[in-house]
Amino acid sequence: MSRVSTPQVPKPEMPYPSLLGQVVKSERGHRGIDQASMAGFLGVSQSAYSRLESGDTTMNVWQLRLCATALGLSVSQLMAKVEVVARQIEGQGIEIVAERRTNPAAALIGLAILAAFLGS
């Protein structure tokens, strides 16, 4: 008798830089600020800013401060919003990780669930 193996569904995960970027993106959208304007405020190109929002590039503390300021928030207010979302998605079984791992499917599942929470 041969065993049929079933594919393992990866455990969803969310890299923290992606979580931060998606919360910034959501807040930016609520305020009607486009990516080009945010990029200009941070002094980076629009494509560089896009990589910050997607989590492909990690936001440094100065960029975090500038993003919060552009959104009319303090850094602590912005981070509190990130932590609320983090708790919500962890409650859905998504693991928050430091950076992208080698399993893109797990990150995609996490991003899809995050998008549903943020209404993007």
N, C-alpha and C. Protein backbone atom coordinates (compact mmCIF):
# COMPACT_ATOMS: atom_id res chain seq x y z
N MET A 1 0.85 -1.17 0.00
CA MET A 1 0.00 0.00 0.00
C MET A 1 0.90 1.24 0.00
N SER A 2 0.71 2.08 -0.96
CA SER A 2 1.50 3.30 -1.04
C SER A 2 0.76 4.45 -0.37
N ARG A 3 1.51 5.30 0.21
CA ARG A 3 0.93 6.47 0.89
C ARG A 3 0.94 7.65 -0.06
N VAL A 4 -0.15 8.33 -0.09
CA VAL A 4 -0.24 9.55 -0.88
C VAL A 4 0.08 10.71 0.04
N SER A 5 1.08 11.45 -0.34
CA SER A 5 1.44 12.59 0.51
C SER A 5 0.58 13.80 0.13
N THR A 6 0.17 14.49 1.15
CA THR A 6 -0.59 15.71 0.91
C THR A 6 0.33 16.89 1.14
N PRO A 7 0.21 17.89 0.30
CA PRO A 7 1.10 19.06 0.47
C PRO A 7 0.81 19.75 1.79
N GLN A 8 1.87 20.19 2.41
CA GLN A 8 1.75 20.94 3.66
C GLN A 8 1.40 22.39 3.35
N VAL A 9 0.38 22.88 3.99
CA VAL A 9 0.03 24.30 3.86
C VAL A 9 0.93 25.06 4.82
N PRO A 10 1.66 26.04 4.31
CA PRO A 10 2.58 26.76 5.20
C PRO A 10 1.82 27.57 6.24
N LYS A 11 2.41 27.68 7.41
CA LYS A 11 1.83 28.52 8.45
C LYS A 11 1.98 29.97 8.02
N PRO A 12 0.89 30.73 8.01
CA PRO A 12 0.99 32.13 7.58
C PRO A 12 1.92 32.93 8.47
N GLU A 13 2.66 33.82 7.85
CA GLU A 13 3.56 34.69 8.60
C GLU A 13 3.55 36.08 8.00
N MET A 14 3.97 37.03 8.82
CA MET A 14 4.02 38.41 8.40
C MET A 14 5.33 39.01 8.88
N PRO A 15 6.21 39.40 7.98
CA PRO A 15 7.41 40.10 8.42
C PRO A 15 7.02 41.45 9.03
N TYR A 16 7.62 41.80 10.14
CA TYR A 16 7.27 43.04 10.82
C TYR A 16 7.45 44.27 9.94
N PRO A 17 8.52 44.36 9.13
CA PRO A 17 8.63 45.53 8.24
C PRO A 17 7.45 45.63 7.26
N SER A 18 6.92 44.50 6.81
CA SER A 18 5.75 44.52 5.93
C SER A 18 4.52 44.98 6.67
N LEU A 19 4.38 44.53 7.91
CA LEU A 19 3.25 44.95 8.74
C LEU A 19 3.28 46.46 8.95
N LEU A 20 4.44 46.98 9.33
CA LEU A 20 4.59 48.42 9.51
C LEU A 20 4.26 49.16 8.22
N GLY A 21 4.81 48.71 7.11
CA GLY A 21 4.57 49.36 5.83
C GLY A 21 3.11 49.36 5.42
N GLN A 22 2.43 48.25 5.68
CA GLN A 22 1.02 48.17 5.31
C GLN A 22 0.14 49.06 6.18
N VAL A 23 0.51 49.20 7.46
CA VAL A 23 -0.24 50.13 8.33
C VAL A 23 0.00 51.57 7.87
N VAL A 24 1.24 51.90 7.53
CA VAL A 24 1.53 53.24 7.01
C VAL A 24 0.74 53.48 5.73
N LYS A 25 0.72 52.48 4.85
CA LYS A 25 -0.02 52.60 3.59
C LYS A 25 -1.51 52.84 3.85
N SER A 26 -2.07 52.10 4.79
CA SER A 26 -3.49 52.26 5.12
C SER A 26 -3.77 53.66 5.68
N GLU A 27 -2.92 54.11 6.60
CA GLU A 27 -3.09 55.44 7.19
C GLU A 27 -2.92 56.53 6.13
N ARG A 28 -1.95 56.33 5.24
CA ARG A 28 -1.73 57.28 4.15
C ARG A 28 -2.96 57.37 3.26
N GLY A 29 -3.54 56.22 2.95
CA GLY A 29 -4.74 56.19 2.11
C GLY A 29 -5.92 56.87 2.77
N HIS A 30 -6.08 56.66 4.08
CA HIS A 30 -7.18 57.32 4.82
C HIS A 30 -7.05 58.83 4.80
N ARG A 31 -5.83 59.31 4.66
CA ARG A 31 -5.59 60.75 4.67
C ARG A 31 -5.48 61.34 3.26
N GLY A 32 -5.62 60.51 2.25
CA GLY A 32 -5.57 60.99 0.87
C GLY A 32 -4.19 61.44 0.42
N ILE A 33 -3.16 60.85 1.01
CA ILE A 33 -1.79 61.20 0.64
C ILE A 33 -1.28 60.16 -0.35
N ASP A 34 -0.75 60.60 -1.48
CA ASP A 34 -0.24 59.62 -2.45
C ASP A 34 1.21 59.24 -2.14
N GLN A 35 1.64 58.15 -2.76
CA GLN A 35 3.01 57.66 -2.52
C GLN A 35 4.07 58.69 -2.89
N ALA A 36 3.86 59.40 -3.99
CA ALA A 36 4.86 60.38 -4.43
C ALA A 36 5.04 61.48 -3.38
N SER A 37 3.96 61.91 -2.77
CA SER A 37 4.05 62.95 -1.74
C SER A 37 4.80 62.44 -0.51
N MET A 38 4.49 61.21 -0.10
CA MET A 38 5.20 60.63 1.04
C MET A 38 6.69 60.46 0.72
N ALA A 39 6.97 60.01 -0.49
CA ALA A 39 8.36 59.83 -0.91
C ALA A 39 9.10 61.16 -0.83
N GLY A 40 8.47 62.21 -1.33
CA GLY A 40 9.08 63.54 -1.29
C GLY A 40 9.32 64.00 0.14
N PHE A 41 8.37 63.72 1.02
CA PHE A 41 8.51 64.11 2.42
C PHE A 41 9.69 63.38 3.07
N LEU A 42 9.89 62.12 2.67
CA LEU A 42 11.00 61.33 3.21
C LEU A 42 12.32 61.59 2.48
N GLY A 43 12.25 62.26 1.33
CA GLY A 43 13.46 62.54 0.56
C GLY A 43 13.98 61.32 -0.18
N VAL A 44 13.06 60.44 -0.60
CA VAL A 44 13.44 59.25 -1.36
C VAL A 44 12.60 59.21 -2.63
N SER A 45 12.99 58.36 -3.57
CA SER A 45 12.20 58.20 -4.80
C SER A 45 10.90 57.48 -4.47
N GLN A 46 9.95 57.58 -5.39
CA GLN A 46 8.67 56.90 -5.19
C GLN A 46 8.89 55.39 -5.14
N SER A 47 9.78 54.87 -5.96
CA SER A 47 10.02 53.42 -5.95
C SER A 47 10.68 52.99 -4.64
N ALA A 48 11.59 53.81 -4.11
CA ALA A 48 12.20 53.48 -2.81
C ALA A 48 11.14 53.51 -1.71
N TYR A 49 10.24 54.48 -1.77
CA TYR A 49 9.17 54.55 -0.79
C TYR A 49 8.25 53.34 -0.91
N SER A 50 7.95 52.92 -2.11
CA SER A 50 7.11 51.75 -2.34
C SER A 50 7.72 50.51 -1.69
N ARG A 51 9.05 50.39 -1.78
CA ARG A 51 9.72 49.24 -1.15
C ARG A 51 9.62 49.32 0.37
N LEU A 52 9.59 50.52 0.93
CA LEU A 52 9.39 50.66 2.38
C LEU A 52 8.00 50.19 2.78
N GLU A 53 6.99 50.60 2.02
CA GLU A 53 5.62 50.19 2.33
C GLU A 53 5.43 48.68 2.19
N SER A 54 6.08 48.09 1.21
CA SER A 54 5.91 46.64 1.00
C SER A 54 6.74 45.82 1.97
N GLY A 55 7.68 46.46 2.64
CA GLY A 55 8.54 45.73 3.55
C GLY A 55 9.75 45.12 2.88
N ASP A 56 9.91 45.40 1.58
CA ASP A 56 11.09 44.91 0.87
C ASP A 56 12.35 45.58 1.39
N THR A 57 12.21 46.80 1.87
CA THR A 57 13.29 47.55 2.51
C THR A 57 12.82 47.89 3.91
N THR A 58 13.68 47.74 4.89
CA THR A 58 13.32 48.05 6.27
C THR A 58 13.42 49.55 6.51
N MET A 59 12.38 50.10 7.11
CA MET A 59 12.32 51.52 7.43
C MET A 59 13.26 51.81 8.60
N ASN A 60 14.09 52.83 8.46
CA ASN A 60 14.94 53.20 9.60
C ASN A 60 14.16 54.11 10.54
N VAL A 61 14.72 54.39 11.70
CA VAL A 61 13.97 55.15 12.70
C VAL A 61 13.67 56.58 12.24
N TRP A 62 14.55 57.17 11.47
CA TRP A 62 14.29 58.52 10.97
C TRP A 62 13.13 58.50 9.98
N GLN A 63 13.12 57.53 9.10
CA GLN A 63 12.02 57.40 8.15
C GLN A 63 10.71 57.13 8.88
N LEU A 64 10.76 56.34 9.93
CA LEU A 64 9.58 56.08 10.74
C LEU A 64 9.05 57.38 11.33
N ARG A 65 9.94 58.19 11.85
CA ARG A 65 9.54 59.48 12.43
C ARG A 65 8.93 60.39 11.36
N LEU A 66 9.55 60.44 10.19
CA LEU A 66 9.01 61.27 9.11
C LEU A 66 7.65 60.77 8.64
N CYS A 67 7.49 59.46 8.53
CA CYS A 67 6.18 58.91 8.12
C CYS A 67 5.11 59.29 9.14
N ALA A 68 5.42 59.12 10.41
CA ALA A 68 4.45 59.46 11.46
C ALA A 68 4.08 60.94 11.36
N THR A 69 5.08 61.79 11.21
CA THR A 69 4.83 63.24 11.11
C THR A 69 3.95 63.55 9.91
N ALA A 70 4.25 62.96 8.76
CA ALA A 70 3.46 63.20 7.55
C ALA A 70 2.01 62.76 7.74
N LEU A 71 1.80 61.75 8.58
CA LEU A 71 0.46 61.24 8.83
C LEU A 71 -0.24 61.98 9.98
N GLY A 72 0.45 62.96 10.56
CA GLY A 72 -0.14 63.71 11.67
C GLY A 72 -0.17 62.93 12.96
N LEU A 73 0.76 61.99 13.10
CA LEU A 73 0.82 61.13 14.27
C LEU A 73 2.19 61.25 14.93
N SER A 74 2.26 60.87 16.19
CA SER A 74 3.56 60.70 16.83
C SER A 74 4.03 59.29 16.49
N VAL A 75 5.31 59.04 16.68
CA VAL A 75 5.83 57.70 16.44
C VAL A 75 5.11 56.69 17.33
N SER A 76 4.88 57.07 18.58
CA SER A 76 4.21 56.14 19.49
C SER A 76 2.77 55.86 19.06
N GLN A 77 2.07 56.85 18.53
CA GLN A 77 0.71 56.61 18.03
C GLN A 77 0.73 55.66 16.83
N LEU A 78 1.67 55.89 15.91
CA LEU A 78 1.77 55.02 14.75
C LEU A 78 2.11 53.60 15.17
N MET A 79 3.07 53.44 16.07
CA MET A 79 3.46 52.11 16.50
C MET A 79 2.35 51.43 17.30
N ALA A 80 1.55 52.20 18.03
CA ALA A 80 0.40 51.62 18.73
C ALA A 80 -0.58 51.03 17.72
N LYS A 81 -0.79 51.71 16.60
CA LYS A 81 -1.67 51.19 15.54
C LYS A 81 -1.09 49.90 14.96
N VAL A 82 0.23 49.88 14.77
CA VAL A 82 0.88 48.67 14.25
C VAL A 82 0.69 47.52 15.22
N GLU A 83 0.85 47.78 16.50
CA GLU A 83 0.72 46.72 17.50
C GLU A 83 -0.71 46.20 17.63
N VAL A 84 -1.70 47.08 17.46
CA VAL A 84 -3.11 46.63 17.47
C VAL A 84 -3.34 45.66 16.32
N VAL A 85 -2.86 46.02 15.14
CA VAL A 85 -3.02 45.14 13.97
C VAL A 85 -2.23 43.85 14.19
N ALA A 86 -1.04 43.95 14.75
CA ALA A 86 -0.23 42.75 15.01
C ALA A 86 -0.98 41.78 15.91
N ARG A 87 -1.59 42.28 16.97
CA ARG A 87 -2.36 41.41 17.87
C ARG A 87 -3.55 40.79 17.15
N GLN A 88 -4.20 41.57 16.30
CA GLN A 88 -5.36 41.05 15.56
C GLN A 88 -4.95 39.91 14.63
N ILE A 89 -3.87 40.10 13.90
CA ILE A 89 -3.50 39.06 12.94
C ILE A 89 -2.85 37.87 13.64
N GLU A 90 -2.17 38.10 14.76
CA GLU A 90 -1.67 36.96 15.53
C GLU A 90 -2.83 36.12 16.04
N GLY A 91 -3.93 36.79 16.38
CA GLY A 91 -5.14 36.08 16.80
C GLY A 91 -5.74 35.23 15.70
N GLN A 92 -5.38 35.52 14.47
CA GLN A 92 -5.83 34.73 13.32
C GLN A 92 -4.82 33.63 12.96
N GLY A 93 -3.80 33.46 13.80
CA GLY A 93 -2.84 32.40 13.58
C GLY A 93 -1.65 32.78 12.71
N ILE A 94 -1.46 34.07 12.48
CA ILE A 94 -0.33 34.51 11.67
C ILE A 94 0.84 34.82 12.60
N GLU A 95 1.99 34.27 12.28
CA GLU A 95 3.18 34.52 13.08
C GLU A 95 3.87 35.80 12.58
N ILE A 96 4.19 36.70 13.50
CA ILE A 96 4.95 37.90 13.16
C ILE A 96 6.43 37.51 13.24
N VAL A 97 7.15 37.77 12.15
CA VAL A 97 8.57 37.41 12.09
C VAL A 97 9.40 38.66 11.81
N ALA A 98 10.68 38.56 12.09
CA ALA A 98 11.57 39.72 11.95
C ALA A 98 11.76 40.12 10.49
N GLU A 99 11.89 39.15 9.63
CA GLU A 99 12.14 39.44 8.21
C GLU A 99 11.57 38.33 7.36
N ARG A 100 11.53 38.57 6.07
CA ARG A 100 11.02 37.56 5.15
C ARG A 100 11.88 36.32 5.22
N ARG A 101 11.23 35.19 5.26
CA ARG A 101 11.94 33.93 5.25
C ARG A 101 11.92 33.37 3.83
N THR A 102 12.31 32.15 3.70
CA THR A 102 12.43 31.57 2.37
C THR A 102 11.12 31.04 1.82
N ASN A 103 10.02 31.12 2.58
CA ASN A 103 8.75 30.58 2.12
C ASN A 103 7.81 31.72 1.72
N PRO A 104 7.82 32.09 0.43
CA PRO A 104 6.98 33.22 0.02
C PRO A 104 5.49 32.95 0.17
N ALA A 105 5.08 31.69 0.10
CA ALA A 105 3.65 31.38 0.23
C ALA A 105 3.14 31.77 1.61
N ALA A 106 3.93 31.53 2.65
CA ALA A 106 3.53 31.88 4.00
C ALA A 106 3.35 33.39 4.14
N ALA A 107 4.26 34.15 3.54
CA ALA A 107 4.16 35.61 3.59
C ALA A 107 2.96 36.10 2.80
N LEU A 108 2.68 35.49 1.67
CA LEU A 108 1.53 35.91 0.86
C LEU A 108 0.22 35.66 1.61
N ILE A 109 0.13 34.54 2.30
CA ILE A 109 -1.07 34.26 3.08
C ILE A 109 -1.22 35.32 4.17
N GLY A 110 -0.11 35.64 4.85
CA GLY A 110 -0.14 36.67 5.88
C GLY A 110 -0.54 38.03 5.34
N LEU A 111 0.00 38.40 4.18
CA LEU A 111 -0.34 39.69 3.56
C LEU A 111 -1.81 39.75 3.17
N ALA A 112 -2.35 38.64 2.68
CA ALA A 112 -3.76 38.61 2.29
C ALA A 112 -4.66 38.83 3.48
N ILE A 113 -4.33 38.17 4.60
CA ILE A 113 -5.13 38.35 5.80
C ILE A 113 -4.99 39.77 6.34
N LEU A 114 -3.78 40.32 6.29
CA LEU A 114 -3.56 41.70 6.74
C LEU A 114 -4.37 42.68 5.87
N ALA A 115 -4.37 42.47 4.57
CA ALA A 115 -5.13 43.35 3.67
C ALA A 115 -6.61 43.32 4.02
N ALA A 116 -7.10 42.15 4.39
CA ALA A 116 -8.52 42.04 4.79
C ALA A 116 -8.78 42.85 6.06
N PHE A 117 -7.85 42.82 7.02
CA PHE A 117 -8.00 43.60 8.25
C PHE A 117 -7.97 45.09 7.99
N LEU A 118 -7.08 45.50 7.10
CA LEU A 118 -6.92 46.93 6.85
C LEU A 118 -7.89 47.47 5.80
N GLY A 119 -8.59 46.55 5.15
CA GLY A 119 -9.55 46.98 4.15
C GLY A 119 -8.92 47.52 2.89
N SER A 120 -7.70 47.03 2.56
CA SER A 120 -7.02 47.50 1.35
C SER A 120 -7.40 46.67 0.17
